[in-house]
Amino acid sequence: MSILVAEILGTMLLILLGNGVVANVVLKGTKGNGAGWIEITTAWALAVFVGVVVAGPYSGAHLNPAVTIGLAAAGKITWAIVPEYLAGEMIGAMIGAFLVWLFYKDHFKVTEDEEGMLACFSTGPAIKNTFSNLMSEIIGTFVLVFVIFYLAGPKLDLIGDVDARAIIGLGSIGAVPVAFLVWVIGLALGGTTGYAINPARDLGPRIMHSILPVKGKSDWGYAWIPVVGPIIGCLIAAYLYMALM
């Protein structure tokens, strides 16, 4: 399986299950309606586990442009393969968002809460404040990428020009720490912006929200924050990691 296909499949599953739990909690008439933040953060963590298990052996399961860019900035993968990762992550995120809409189509039709429906695709701030919202995404992504460097350990130095398959080893067991990492970020740091910490996770589904027949606007004025914030956060993580090594 190529890097492109692995990242498409892994990110698709991540978004299908991650945004799927948001839809289950916020859309009208679902069995999980009103379940709350604990269910959302737990399912997102498990969605990461599923995506990593599928894509890990073939691409290292970045599933996130911030992870890919952070690794490239730290010299752990070459910039030449970054476009293939980014393409897979964006395509997978868009497909996953489409499947969420398809799965919950009847519930989207009967739901009146436009903000809640947008949340089934992309993130948004609890309190709009550009600086604070940007800092939330920077800090959350910094924690994600910085800890991933240490979860991967010395194996990162074995990655060459072709791929990044050695990032998380031990098969499905190796996906568990990453899932716990995303879980604690959601529980501890997700209350301000919904912890996008992943440009593809937000931008891909936001594009689909603007295309699909879903009521409400996609809030493009905010859309740059969950893209720029994670990129800044991953670069800080990469350069700090290199300085400490």
C-alpha atoms as a PDB file:
ATOM      1  CA  MET A   1       0.000   0.000   0.000  1.00  0.00           C
ATOM      2  CA  SER A   2       1.372   3.425  -0.911  1.00  0.00           C
ATOM      3  CA  ILE A   3       1.749   6.350   1.480  1.00  0.00           C
ATOM      4  CA  LEU A   4      -1.052   8.163  -0.344  1.00  0.00           C
ATOM      5  CA  VAL A   5      -3.543   5.329  -0.042  1.00  0.00           C
ATOM      6  CA  ALA A   6      -2.607   4.602   3.575  1.00  0.00           C
ATOM      7  CA  GLU A   7      -3.074   8.232   4.593  1.00  0.00           C
ATOM      8  CA  ILE A   8      -6.379   8.439   2.734  1.00  0.00           C
ATOM      9  CA  LEU A   9      -7.735   5.344   4.465  1.00  0.00           C
ATOM     10  CA  GLY A  10      -6.383   6.204   7.910  1.00  0.00           C
ATOM     11  CA  THR A  11      -7.576   9.805   7.826  1.00  0.00           C
ATOM     12  CA  MET A  12     -10.935   8.795   6.370  1.00  0.00           C
ATOM     13  CA  LEU A  13     -11.524   6.453   9.308  1.00  0.00           C
ATOM     14  CA  LEU A  14     -10.310   9.087  11.753  1.00  0.00           C
ATOM     15  CA  ILE A  15     -12.809  11.652  10.478  1.00  0.00           C
ATOM     16  CA  LEU A  16     -15.668   9.203   9.978  1.00  0.00           C
ATOM     17  CA  LEU A  17     -15.461   8.067  13.605  1.00  0.00           C
ATOM     18  CA  GLY A  18     -14.324  11.369  15.129  1.00  0.00           C
ATOM     19  CA  ASN A  19     -16.835  13.634  13.421  1.00  0.00           C
ATOM     20  CA  GLY A  20     -19.302  10.780  13.596  1.00  0.00           C
ATOM     21  CA  VAL A  21     -19.380  10.920  17.377  1.00  0.00           C
ATOM     22  CA  VAL A  22     -19.972  14.676  17.256  1.00  0.00           C
ATOM     23  CA  ALA A  23     -22.927  14.067  14.956  1.00  0.00           C
ATOM     24  CA  ASN A  24     -24.243  11.375  17.295  1.00  0.00           C
ATOM     25  CA  VAL A  25     -24.080  13.776  20.234  1.00  0.00           C
ATOM     26  CA  VAL A  26     -25.395  17.011  18.696  1.00  0.00           C
ATOM     27  CA  LEU A  27     -27.852  16.049  15.951  1.00  0.00           C
ATOM     28  CA  LYS A  28     -31.542  15.785  16.717  1.00  0.00           C
ATOM     29  CA  GLY A  29     -33.052  12.355  17.301  1.00  0.00           C
ATOM     30  CA  THR A  30     -29.870  10.276  17.509  1.00  0.00           C
ATOM     31  CA  LYS A  31     -29.426   7.601  20.156  1.00  0.00           C
ATOM     32  CA  GLY A  32     -26.434   9.488  21.566  1.00  0.00           C
ATOM     33  CA  ASN A  33     -27.964  12.965  21.576  1.00  0.00           C
ATOM     34  CA  GLY A  34     -26.705  15.040  24.489  1.00  0.00           C
ATOM     35  CA  ALA A  35     -24.118  12.500  25.650  1.00  0.00           C
ATOM     36  CA  GLY A  36     -21.506  15.212  26.144  1.00  0.00           C
ATOM     37  CA  TRP A  37     -17.815  16.012  26.032  1.00  0.00           C
ATOM     38  CA  ILE A  38     -16.510  12.808  27.608  1.00  0.00           C
ATOM     39  CA  GLU A  39     -18.089  10.705  24.878  1.00  0.00           C
ATOM     40  CA  ILE A  40     -16.732  13.007  22.169  1.00  0.00           C
ATOM     41  CA  THR A  41     -13.151  13.057  23.446  1.00  0.00           C
ATOM     42  CA  THR A  42     -13.135   9.327  24.122  1.00  0.00           C
ATOM     43  CA  ALA A  43     -14.402   8.463  20.652  1.00  0.00           C
ATOM     44  CA  TRP A  44     -11.911  10.847  19.012  1.00  0.00           C
ATOM     45  CA  ALA A  45      -9.089   9.079  20.853  1.00  0.00           C
ATOM     46  CA  LEU A  46     -10.362   5.704  19.705  1.00  0.00           C
ATOM     47  CA  ALA A  47     -10.764   7.073  16.168  1.00  0.00           C
ATOM     48  CA  VAL A  48      -7.060   7.940  16.213  1.00  0.00           C
ATOM     49  CA  PHE A  49      -6.325   4.388  17.351  1.00  0.00           C
ATOM     50  CA  VAL A  50      -8.307   2.943  14.432  1.00  0.00           C
ATOM     51  CA  GLY A  51      -6.651   5.211  11.885  1.00  0.00           C
ATOM     52  CA  VAL A  52      -3.162   4.489  13.167  1.00  0.00           C
ATOM     53  CA  VAL A  53      -3.731   0.723  13.185  1.00  0.00           C
ATOM     54  CA  VAL A  54      -4.756   0.764   9.520  1.00  0.00           C
ATOM     55  CA  ALA A  55      -2.234   3.256   8.132  1.00  0.00           C
ATOM     56  CA  GLY A  56       0.665   2.710  10.511  1.00  0.00           C
ATOM     57  CA  PRO A  57       2.404  -0.199   8.766  1.00  0.00           C
ATOM     58  CA  TYR A  58       2.397   1.595   5.425  1.00  0.00           C
ATOM     59  CA  SER A  59       2.860   5.323   6.094  1.00  0.00           C
ATOM     60  CA  GLY A  60       3.557   5.690   9.797  1.00  0.00           C
ATOM     61  CA  ALA A  61      -0.007   7.000  10.134  1.00  0.00           C
ATOM     62  CA  HIS A  62       0.609  10.719  10.304  1.00  0.00           C
ATOM     63  CA  LEU A  63      -3.093  11.443   9.524  1.00  0.00           C
ATOM     64  CA  ASN A  64      -2.296  15.090  10.226  1.00  0.00           C
ATOM     65  CA  PRO A  65      -0.344  17.709   8.248  1.00  0.00           C
ATOM     66  CA  ALA A  66       1.033  19.068  11.518  1.00  0.00           C
ATOM     67  CA  VAL A  67       2.686  15.715  12.243  1.00  0.00           C
ATOM     68  CA  THR A  68       4.033  15.475   8.695  1.00  0.00           C
ATOM     69  CA  ILE A  69       5.398  19.029   8.665  1.00  0.00           C
ATOM     70  CA  GLY A  70       6.842  18.634  12.154  1.00  0.00           C
ATOM     71  CA  LEU A  71       8.724  15.493  11.150  1.00  0.00           C
ATOM     72  CA  ALA A  72      10.015  17.142   7.994  1.00  0.00           C
ATOM     73  CA  ALA A  73      11.126  20.242   9.905  1.00  0.00           C
ATOM     74  CA  ALA A  74      13.049  18.026  12.317  1.00  0.00           C
ATOM     75  CA  GLY A  75      14.736  16.244   9.395  1.00  0.00           C
ATOM     76  CA  LYS A  76      13.084  12.930  10.159  1.00  0.00           C
ATOM     77  CA  ILE A  77      11.443  12.637   6.744  1.00  0.00           C
ATOM     78  CA  THR A  78      12.391  14.406   3.528  1.00  0.00           C
ATOM     79  CA  TRP A  79      10.348  17.313   2.244  1.00  0.00           C
ATOM     80  CA  ALA A  80      10.036  15.473  -1.082  1.00  0.00           C
ATOM     81  CA  ILE A  81       7.436  13.077   0.329  1.00  0.00           C
ATOM     82  CA  VAL A  82       5.485  15.712   2.261  1.00  0.00           C
ATOM     83  CA  PRO A  83       3.082  16.509  -0.637  1.00  0.00           C
ATOM     84  CA  GLU A  84       2.022  12.864  -0.859  1.00  0.00           C
ATOM     85  CA  TYR A  85       1.218  12.841   2.849  1.00  0.00           C
ATOM     86  CA  LEU A  86      -0.680  16.122   2.701  1.00  0.00           C
ATOM     87  CA  ALA A  87      -2.703  14.994  -0.304  1.00  0.00           C
ATOM     88  CA  GLY A  88      -3.678  11.745   1.409  1.00  0.00           C
ATOM     89  CA  GLU A  89      -4.653  13.532   4.613  1.00  0.00           C
ATOM     90  CA  MET A  90      -6.833  16.107   2.861  1.00  0.00           C
ATOM     91  CA  ILE A  91      -8.524  13.598   0.556  1.00  0.00           C
ATOM     92  CA  GLY A  92      -9.145  11.204   3.442  1.00  0.00           C
ATOM     93  CA  ALA A  93     -10.589  13.974   5.617  1.00  0.00           C
ATOM     94  CA  MET A  94     -12.986  15.041   2.878  1.00  0.00           C
ATOM     95  CA  ILE A  95     -14.138  11.488   2.212  1.00  0.00           C
ATOM     96  CA  GLY A  96     -14.614  10.874   5.927  1.00  0.00           C
ATOM     97  CA  ALA A  97     -16.715  14.038   6.264  1.00  0.00           C
ATOM     98  CA  PHE A  98     -18.858  12.998   3.320  1.00  0.00           C
ATOM     99  CA  LEU A  99     -19.477   9.612   4.936  1.00  0.00           C
ATOM    100  CA  VAL A 100     -20.529  11.294   8.198  1.00  0.00           C
ATOM    101  CA  TRP A 101     -23.074  13.351   6.261  1.00  0.00           C
ATOM    102  CA  LEU A 102     -24.283  10.272   4.384  1.00  0.00           C
ATOM    103  CA  PHE A 103     -24.580   8.236   7.570  1.00  0.00           C
ATOM    104  CA  TYR A 104     -26.489  10.922   9.518  1.00  0.00           C
ATOM    105  CA  LYS A 105     -28.309  12.429   6.532  1.00  0.00           C
ATOM    106  CA  ASP A 106     -31.796  12.025   8.014  1.00  0.00           C
ATOM    107  CA  HIS A 107     -30.706  13.636  11.272  1.00  0.00           C
ATOM    108  CA  PHE A 108     -29.117  16.593   9.508  1.00  0.00           C
ATOM    109  CA  LYS A 109     -32.486  17.165   7.822  1.00  0.00           C
ATOM    110  CA  VAL A 110     -34.423  17.400  11.103  1.00  0.00           C
ATOM    111  CA  THR A 111     -31.815  19.360  13.080  1.00  0.00           C
ATOM    112  CA  GLU A 112     -32.316  23.130  13.314  1.00  0.00           C
ATOM    113  CA  ASP A 113     -29.108  24.011  15.161  1.00  0.00           C
ATOM    114  CA  GLU A 114     -26.824  25.277  12.385  1.00  0.00           C
ATOM    115  CA  GLU A 115     -23.855  25.750  14.716  1.00  0.00           C
ATOM    116  CA  GLY A 116     -24.232  22.182  15.926  1.00  0.00           C
ATOM    117  CA  MET A 117     -24.354  20.885  12.368  1.00  0.00           C
ATOM    118  CA  LEU A 118     -21.171  22.801  11.511  1.00  0.00           C
ATOM    119  CA  ALA A 119     -19.528  21.183  14.557  1.00  0.00           C
ATOM    120  CA  CYS A 120     -20.113  17.807  12.894  1.00  0.00           C
ATOM    121  CA  PHE A 121     -17.618  18.922  10.261  1.00  0.00           C
ATOM    122  CA  SER A 122     -15.218  21.483  11.701  1.00  0.00           C
ATOM    123  CA  THR A 123     -14.157  23.151  14.930  1.00  0.00           C
ATOM    124  CA  GLY A 124     -15.113  26.511  16.366  1.00  0.00           C
ATOM    125  CA  PRO A 125     -14.291  28.646  19.389  1.00  0.00           C
ATOM    126  CA  ALA A 126     -16.306  28.633  22.592  1.00  0.00           C
ATOM    127  CA  ILE A 127     -15.413  32.335  22.957  1.00  0.00           C
ATOM    128  CA  LYS A 128     -14.284  34.182  19.835  1.00  0.00           C
ATOM    129  CA  ASN A 129     -10.921  35.795  20.456  1.00  0.00           C
ATOM    130  CA  THR A 130      -8.442  35.548  17.616  1.00  0.00           C
ATOM    131  CA  PHE A 131      -5.300  35.607  19.743  1.00  0.00           C
ATOM    132  CA  SER A 132      -6.623  33.190  22.376  1.00  0.00           C
ATOM    133  CA  ASN A 133      -8.064  30.823  19.787  1.00  0.00           C
ATOM    134  CA  LEU A 134      -4.800  30.790  17.845  1.00  0.00           C
ATOM    135  CA  MET A 135      -2.781  30.160  20.999  1.00  0.00           C
ATOM    136  CA  SER A 136      -5.078  27.262  21.919  1.00  0.00           C
ATOM    137  CA  GLU A 137      -4.372  25.554  18.611  1.00  0.00           C
ATOM    138  CA  ILE A 138      -0.650  26.301  18.817  1.00  0.00           C
ATOM    139  CA  ILE A 139      -0.306  24.886  22.336  1.00  0.00           C
ATOM    140  CA  GLY A 140      -2.507  21.852  21.723  1.00  0.00           C
ATOM    141  CA  THR A 141      -0.617  20.916  18.568  1.00  0.00           C
ATOM    142  CA  PHE A 142       2.726  21.543  20.238  1.00  0.00           C
ATOM    143  CA  VAL A 143       1.832  18.988  22.910  1.00  0.00           C
ATOM    144  CA  LEU A 144       0.682  16.483  20.285  1.00  0.00           C
ATOM    145  CA  VAL A 145       3.747  16.680  18.057  1.00  0.00           C
ATOM    146  CA  PHE A 146       6.317  17.110  20.813  1.00  0.00           C
ATOM    147  CA  VAL A 147       5.109  14.006  22.642  1.00  0.00           C
ATOM    148  CA  ILE A 148       4.917  12.025  19.388  1.00  0.00           C
ATOM    149  CA  PHE A 149       8.658  12.627  18.933  1.00  0.00           C
ATOM    150  CA  TYR A 150       9.282  10.954  22.281  1.00  0.00           C
ATOM    151  CA  LEU A 151       6.778   8.156  21.701  1.00  0.00           C
ATOM    152  CA  ALA A 152       8.624   7.307  18.504  1.00  0.00           C
ATOM    153  CA  GLY A 153      12.029   7.551  20.157  1.00  0.00           C
ATOM    154  CA  PRO A 154      15.277   6.682  18.366  1.00  0.00           C
ATOM    155  CA  LYS A 155      13.420   4.867  15.579  1.00  0.00           C
ATOM    156  CA  LEU A 156      12.762   8.269  14.029  1.00  0.00           C
ATOM    157  CA  ASP A 157      16.421   8.490  13.081  1.00  0.00           C
ATOM    158  CA  LEU A 158      16.090   5.377  10.926  1.00  0.00           C
ATOM    159  CA  ILE A 159      13.596   6.966   8.548  1.00  0.00           C
ATOM    160  CA  GLY A 160      15.017   7.587   5.094  1.00  0.00           C
ATOM    161  CA  ASP A 161      13.904   9.155   1.866  1.00  0.00           C
ATOM    162  CA  VAL A 162      11.187   6.659   1.010  1.00  0.00           C
ATOM    163  CA  ASP A 163       8.719   6.564   3.863  1.00  0.00           C
ATOM    164  CA  ALA A 164       8.090   6.915   7.580  1.00  0.00           C
ATOM    165  CA  ARG A 165       6.841   3.483   8.459  1.00  0.00           C
ATOM    166  CA  ALA A 166       8.890   3.115  11.636  1.00  0.00           C
ATOM    167  CA  ILE A 167       7.271   5.975  13.529  1.00  0.00           C
ATOM    168  CA  ILE A 168       4.935   3.870  15.648  1.00  0.00           C
ATOM    169  CA  GLY A 169       5.888   0.251  16.033  1.00  0.00           C
ATOM    170  CA  LEU A 170       4.425  -2.808  17.754  1.00  0.00           C
ATOM    171  CA  GLY A 171       1.390  -2.879  15.490  1.00  0.00           C
ATOM    172  CA  SER A 172      -1.874  -1.996  17.215  1.00  0.00           C
ATOM    173  CA  ILE A 173      -0.166  -1.765  20.607  1.00  0.00           C
ATOM    174  CA  GLY A 174       1.895   1.117  19.300  1.00  0.00           C
ATOM    175  CA  ALA A 175      -1.303   3.034  18.492  1.00  0.00           C
ATOM    176  CA  VAL A 176      -2.467   3.005  22.113  1.00  0.00           C
ATOM    177  CA  PRO A 177      -0.123   5.748  23.417  1.00  0.00           C
ATOM    178  CA  VAL A 178      -1.107   8.059  20.566  1.00  0.00           C
ATOM    179  CA  ALA A 179      -4.784   7.505  21.339  1.00  0.00           C
ATOM    180  CA  PHE A 180      -4.204   8.329  25.008  1.00  0.00           C
ATOM    181  CA  LEU A 181      -2.266  11.432  23.993  1.00  0.00           C
ATOM    182  CA  VAL A 182      -5.142  12.719  21.850  1.00  0.00           C
ATOM    183  CA  TRP A 183      -7.603  11.826  24.607  1.00  0.00           C
ATOM    184  CA  VAL A 184      -5.835  13.878  27.274  1.00  0.00           C
ATOM    185  CA  ILE A 185      -5.390  16.814  24.898  1.00  0.00           C
ATOM    186  CA  GLY A 186      -9.125  16.771  24.256  1.00  0.00           C
ATOM    187  CA  LEU A 187     -10.017  16.500  27.927  1.00  0.00           C
ATOM    188  CA  ALA A 188      -7.535  19.106  29.132  1.00  0.00           C
ATOM    189  CA  LEU A 189      -7.124  21.540  26.230  1.00  0.00           C
ATOM    190  CA  GLY A 190     -10.153  21.017  24.016  1.00  0.00           C
ATOM    191  CA  GLY A 191     -12.637  23.307  25.730  1.00  0.00           C
ATOM    192  CA  THR A 192     -11.640  26.527  23.997  1.00  0.00           C
ATOM    193  CA  THR A 193     -11.593  25.699  20.277  1.00  0.00           C
ATOM    194  CA  GLY A 194     -12.564  22.039  20.049  1.00  0.00           C
ATOM    195  CA  TYR A 195      -8.893  21.032  19.603  1.00  0.00           C
ATOM    196  CA  ALA A 196      -8.543  20.753  15.848  1.00  0.00           C
ATOM    197  CA  ILE A 197      -4.744  20.260  16.239  1.00  0.00           C
ATOM    198  CA  ASN A 198      -4.860  19.043  12.642  1.00  0.00           C
ATOM    199  CA  PRO A 199      -5.282  21.294   9.584  1.00  0.00           C
ATOM    200  CA  ALA A 200      -6.728  18.519   7.400  1.00  0.00           C
ATOM    201  CA  ARG A 201      -9.179  17.435  10.090  1.00  0.00           C
ATOM    202  CA  ASP A 202     -10.697  20.923  10.054  1.00  0.00           C
ATOM    203  CA  LEU A 203     -10.191  22.212   6.519  1.00  0.00           C
ATOM    204  CA  GLY A 204     -11.225  19.079   4.608  1.00  0.00           C
ATOM    205  CA  PRO A 205     -14.571  18.652   6.381  1.00  0.00           C
ATOM    206  CA  ARG A 206     -15.163  22.427   6.302  1.00  0.00           C
ATOM    207  CA  ILE A 207     -14.877  22.316   2.518  1.00  0.00           C
ATOM    208  CA  MET A 208     -17.362  19.427   2.439  1.00  0.00           C
ATOM    209  CA  HIS A 209     -19.742  21.361   4.700  1.00  0.00           C
ATOM    210  CA  SER A 210     -19.746  24.191   2.162  1.00  0.00           C
ATOM    211  CA  ILE A 211     -20.457  21.767  -0.697  1.00  0.00           C
ATOM    212  CA  LEU A 212     -22.979  19.382   0.839  1.00  0.00           C
ATOM    213  CA  PRO A 213     -26.667  20.305   1.314  1.00  0.00           C
ATOM    214  CA  VAL A 214     -26.298  21.193   4.999  1.00  0.00           C
ATOM    215  CA  LYS A 215     -27.964  24.257   6.504  1.00  0.00           C
ATOM    216  CA  GLY A 216     -25.702  27.044   7.741  1.00  0.00           C
ATOM    217  CA  LYS A 217     -22.479  28.804   6.805  1.00  0.00           C
ATOM    218  CA  SER A 218     -18.997  27.284   7.110  1.00  0.00           C
ATOM    219  CA  ASP A 219     -17.499  30.278   9.012  1.00  0.00           C
ATOM    220  CA  TRP A 220     -14.573  30.829   6.676  1.00  0.00           C
ATOM    221  CA  GLY A 221     -13.490  33.856   8.703  1.00  0.00           C
ATOM    222  CA  TYR A 222     -12.346  31.497  11.452  1.00  0.00           C
ATOM    223  CA  ALA A 223     -11.062  28.732   9.172  1.00  0.00           C
ATOM    224  CA  TRP A 224      -7.432  29.955   9.052  1.00  0.00           C
ATOM    225  CA  ILE A 225      -6.919  29.493  12.795  1.00  0.00           C
ATOM    226  CA  PRO A 226      -7.136  25.649  12.886  1.00  0.00           C
ATOM    227  CA  VAL A 227      -4.757  25.601   9.913  1.00  0.00           C
ATOM    228  CA  VAL A 228      -2.135  28.186  10.889  1.00  0.00           C
ATOM    229  CA  GLY A 229      -2.183  27.403  14.620  1.00  0.00           C
ATOM    230  CA  PRO A 230      -1.293  23.711  14.238  1.00  0.00           C
ATOM    231  CA  ILE A 231       1.463  24.511  11.730  1.00  0.00           C
ATOM    232  CA  ILE A 232       3.059  26.988  14.138  1.00  0.00           C
ATOM    233  CA  GLY A 233       2.668  24.518  17.009  1.00  0.00           C
ATOM    234  CA  CYS A 234       4.283  21.635  15.134  1.00  0.00           C
ATOM    235  CA  LEU A 235       7.254  23.788  14.086  1.00  0.00           C
ATOM    236  CA  ILE A 236       7.847  24.910  17.673  1.00  0.00           C
ATOM    237  CA  ALA A 237       7.690  21.256  18.776  1.00  0.00           C
ATOM    238  CA  ALA A 238      10.152  20.182  16.082  1.00  0.00           C
ATOM    239  CA  TYR A 239      12.718  22.884  16.799  1.00  0.00           C
ATOM    240  CA  LEU A 240      12.504  22.397  20.574  1.00  0.00           C
ATOM    241  CA  TYR A 241      12.917  18.652  20.155  1.00  0.00           C
ATOM    242  CA  MET A 242      16.018  19.180  17.999  1.00  0.00           C
ATOM    243  CA  ALA A 243      17.450  21.658  20.495  1.00  0.00           C
ATOM    244  CA  LEU A 244      17.036  19.191  23.341  1.00  0.00           C
ATOM    245  CA  MET A 245      18.487  16.181  21.541  1.00  0.00           C
END
